[in-house]
Protein backbone atom coordinates (compact mmCIF):
# COMPACT_ATOMS: atom_id res chain seq x y z
CA MET A 1 87.63 128.52 90.55
CA SER A 2 89.60 128.60 87.29
CA LYS A 3 90.42 125.55 85.22
CA THR A 4 94.07 125.90 86.20
CA ASP A 5 93.16 125.98 89.90
CA ALA A 6 91.02 122.87 89.51
CA VAL A 7 93.90 120.98 87.95
CA THR A 8 96.19 122.09 90.75
CA VAL A 9 93.76 120.95 93.45
CA GLN A 10 93.11 117.56 91.84
CA ARG A 11 96.75 116.73 91.17
CA PRO A 12 97.79 113.80 93.44
CA THR A 13 100.62 114.27 95.87
CA THR A 14 103.53 112.02 94.91
CA SER A 15 106.27 113.44 97.13
CA ARG A 16 107.65 111.08 99.77
CA LYS A 17 108.04 112.29 103.33
CA ARG A 18 111.56 112.39 104.64
CA TRP A 19 112.69 110.52 107.70
CA ASN A 20 111.93 112.35 110.91
CA ALA A 21 113.49 112.18 114.37
CA THR A 22 111.49 109.05 115.20
CA ASP A 23 112.85 107.28 112.13
CA ILE A 24 116.42 108.23 112.98
CA GLY A 25 115.87 107.02 116.52
CA LEU A 26 114.51 103.68 115.33
CA ILE A 27 117.47 103.23 113.00
CA ALA A 28 119.87 103.85 115.88
CA VAL A 29 117.96 101.52 118.22
CA PHE A 30 117.91 98.65 115.76
CA ALA A 31 121.57 99.16 114.85
CA ALA A 32 122.33 98.84 118.56
CA LEU A 33 120.09 95.76 118.75
CA VAL A 34 122.00 94.05 115.95
CA ALA A 35 125.29 94.95 117.63
CA ALA A 36 124.05 93.60 120.96
CA SER A 37 122.99 90.33 119.35
CA SER A 38 126.54 89.86 118.05
CA ILE A 39 127.89 89.92 121.60
CA VAL A 40 126.24 86.57 122.35
CA PRO A 41 128.99 84.00 121.69
CA GLY A 42 128.61 82.24 118.36
CA ILE A 43 129.04 78.53 117.71
CA PRO A 44 131.81 77.87 115.15
CA VAL A 45 130.68 75.53 112.38
CA GLY A 46 132.82 73.42 110.08
CA ALA A 47 136.50 73.61 109.25
CA LEU A 48 136.25 77.31 108.38
CA GLY A 49 134.90 78.19 111.82
CA VAL A 50 132.17 80.55 110.57
CA PRO A 51 129.99 81.05 113.69
CA ILE A 52 126.25 80.62 114.12
CA THR A 53 125.03 83.77 115.91
CA LEU A 54 121.82 85.66 116.73
CA VAL A 55 122.70 88.42 114.27
CA THR A 56 120.56 87.05 111.45
CA LEU A 57 117.53 87.12 113.77
CA THR A 58 117.93 90.84 114.47
CA VAL A 59 118.76 91.56 110.83
CA MET A 60 115.48 90.00 109.69
CA LEU A 61 113.61 91.68 112.54
CA SER A 62 114.97 95.06 111.44
CA GLY A 63 113.53 94.56 107.98
CA LEU A 64 110.21 93.21 109.24
CA VAL A 65 109.69 96.11 111.64
CA LEU A 66 111.31 99.08 109.88
CA GLY A 67 110.75 98.29 106.21
CA ALA A 68 113.28 98.34 103.40
CA GLY A 69 114.87 101.78 103.69
CA ARG A 70 115.16 102.12 107.44
CA GLY A 71 116.01 98.42 107.85
CA PHE A 72 118.87 98.80 105.40
CA ALA A 73 120.04 101.95 107.18
CA ALA A 74 119.98 100.32 110.62
CA VAL A 75 121.88 97.20 109.62
CA GLY A 76 124.15 99.18 107.31
CA LEU A 77 125.07 101.42 110.24
CA TYR A 78 125.98 98.34 112.27
CA VAL A 79 128.20 97.04 109.47
CA LEU A 80 129.88 100.41 108.90
CA LEU A 81 130.65 100.81 112.60
CA GLY A 82 132.17 97.34 112.68
CA LEU A 83 134.29 97.99 109.62
CA ALA A 84 135.38 101.30 111.17
CA GLY A 85 136.87 99.45 114.11
CA LEU A 86 134.22 98.91 116.77
CA PRO A 87 134.39 95.28 117.99
CA ILE A 88 130.77 94.49 117.22
CA PHE A 89 131.09 91.60 114.80
CA SER A 90 130.80 88.05 116.15
CA GLY A 91 133.67 87.12 118.41
CA GLY A 92 134.54 90.77 119.01
CA ARG A 93 136.04 91.13 115.54
CA SER A 94 136.19 94.44 113.69
CA GLY A 95 137.98 96.35 110.95
CA LEU A 96 138.30 96.09 107.20
CA GLY A 97 140.21 92.84 107.53
CA ILE A 98 136.88 91.09 108.06
CA LEU A 99 136.25 91.54 104.34
CA ALA A 100 139.04 89.04 103.66
CA SER A 101 137.59 86.39 106.01
CA PRO A 102 135.34 83.45 105.03
CA SER A 103 132.38 85.17 106.72
CA ALA A 104 132.70 88.37 104.66
CA GLY A 105 129.84 87.43 102.35
CA TYR A 106 127.44 87.07 105.24
CA ILE A 107 128.38 90.45 106.72
CA ILE A 108 128.00 92.21 103.37
CA ALA A 109 124.65 90.47 102.91
CA PHE A 110 123.12 91.66 106.18
CA PRO A 111 122.01 95.19 105.09
CA LEU A 112 120.80 93.84 101.75
CA ALA A 113 118.83 91.10 103.51
CA ALA A 114 117.20 93.63 105.83
CA ALA A 115 116.19 95.71 102.81
CA ALA A 116 114.83 92.71 100.91
CA THR A 117 112.91 91.49 103.94
CA GLY A 118 111.53 94.97 104.55
CA TYR A 119 110.38 95.30 100.96
CA LEU A 120 108.66 91.92 100.98
CA ALA A 121 107.13 92.63 104.39
CA ALA A 122 105.64 95.86 103.02
CA VAL A 123 104.05 93.90 100.17
CA VAL A 124 102.62 91.41 102.66
CA ILE A 125 101.23 94.14 104.92
CA ARG A 126 99.60 95.89 101.96
CA ARG A 127 97.98 92.85 100.43
CA THR A 128 97.30 90.24 103.10
CA ILE A 129 95.42 89.82 106.33
CA LYS A 130 94.87 86.08 106.39
CA TYR A 131 97.96 83.96 107.03
CA ARG A 132 100.06 87.10 107.34
CA GLY A 133 102.52 85.39 109.65
CA LEU A 134 103.17 82.64 107.12
CA TRP A 135 103.72 85.16 104.36
CA LEU A 136 106.15 87.13 106.51
CA PHE A 137 107.99 83.90 107.29
CA ALA A 138 108.18 83.20 103.54
CA ALA A 139 109.63 86.69 103.07
CA THR A 140 112.35 86.08 105.65
CA MET A 141 113.21 82.69 104.17
CA ALA A 142 113.44 84.10 100.65
CA SER A 143 115.78 86.87 101.83
CA SER A 144 117.78 84.44 103.93
CA LEU A 145 118.28 81.85 101.19
CA VAL A 146 118.87 84.21 98.28
CA VAL A 147 120.77 87.06 99.92
CA VAL A 148 122.40 85.83 103.14
CA HIS A 149 123.24 82.29 102.10
CA GLY A 150 123.87 83.23 98.48
CA LEU A 151 126.42 85.89 99.34
CA GLY A 152 127.75 83.79 102.20
CA ILE A 153 128.56 80.98 99.79
CA LEU A 154 130.11 83.45 97.36
CA GLY A 155 132.27 84.90 100.14
CA MET A 156 133.62 81.47 101.03
CA MET A 157 134.34 80.76 97.38
CA VAL A 158 136.30 84.01 97.03
CA ASN A 159 138.09 84.26 100.37
CA ALA A 160 138.50 80.61 101.29
CA LYS A 161 139.09 79.47 97.69
CA LEU A 162 136.39 76.79 97.90
CA ASP A 163 134.56 75.47 94.89
CA PHE A 164 130.77 75.85 94.87
CA SER A 165 129.95 72.38 96.16
CA LYS A 166 132.30 72.69 99.15
CA ALA A 167 131.07 76.20 99.95
CA LEU A 168 127.50 74.96 99.77
CA LEU A 169 128.27 72.11 102.16
CA ALA A 170 129.95 74.56 104.52
CA ASP A 171 126.84 76.75 104.43
CA LEU A 172 124.23 74.02 104.96
CA PRO A 173 124.66 73.76 108.77
CA PHE A 174 123.37 77.34 109.08
CA LEU A 175 119.98 76.58 107.49
CA PRO A 176 118.19 74.91 110.44
CA GLY A 177 119.24 77.65 112.85
CA ASP A 178 118.32 80.42 110.43
CA THR A 179 114.91 78.84 109.87
CA LEU A 180 114.24 78.82 113.61
CA LYS A 181 115.52 82.40 113.96
CA ASN A 182 113.23 83.51 111.13
CA VAL A 183 110.25 82.00 112.96
CA LEU A 184 111.22 83.93 116.10
CA ALA A 185 111.73 87.14 114.11
CA VAL A 186 108.24 86.88 112.62
CA ILE A 187 106.64 86.19 116.02
CA ILE A 188 108.38 89.22 117.53
CA ALA A 189 107.57 91.41 114.51
CA LEU A 190 103.87 90.49 114.62
CA ALA A 191 103.76 91.45 118.29
CA ILE A 192 105.43 94.80 117.52
CA HIS A 193 103.08 95.44 114.58
CA LYS A 194 100.11 94.78 116.85
CA ALA A 195 101.37 97.03 119.62
CA PHE A 196 102.72 99.78 117.34
CA PRO A 197 100.91 99.51 113.97
CA ASP A 198 102.35 102.78 112.67
CA VAL A 199 105.96 101.57 112.88
CA LEU A 200 105.73 99.79 109.53
CA VAL A 201 102.20 100.29 108.23
CA ARG A 202 102.38 104.09 108.22
CA ARG A 203 105.53 103.94 106.11
CA VAL A 204 104.00 101.37 103.76
CA LYS A 205 101.07 103.67 103.07
CA GLN A 206 103.38 106.60 102.40
CA GLY A 207 105.63 104.54 100.16
CA SER A 208 108.80 104.75 102.22
């Protein structure tokens, strides 16, 4: 074997595998799951009437199960379909007009939150075995507080013309429910990881 051949053989493979049919199917399934969760009637909170729904549970679950890229794609597909006119936002709402509503920040945040949760979940799966559930819960809470609630508050400040303190007060009632939904998302995700370890772990090892 020549020196050139030896270098070629020893060179590590850095290319990332593309999504296959299974990945596309999972993205479609989880997009449908998020849409289905929005059908459950929400509970309007505060003077602005922003509803508490099950959507944040399925958003976090998408990230925990699919990882960053596919989680973002699944929830992003849900958002795009809603903006395109399908009545799949809470309360049967749809269309671009939702971007002018007080809840716009939350809707924009959903794909980003799924991606952030998926990224953090991949880190947890790579590096932890002990207390994995607690670390995954911490990942969902970090994504929820920083991305969902952060952009939700910003959306109310922009569209409802609230100052920060009032927007923060309007957002606070969502925290207890989101905490409980994050617990449920982690429990469901751990069960899925146990039953189908390749769903997330295979993609973590391949870097996608």
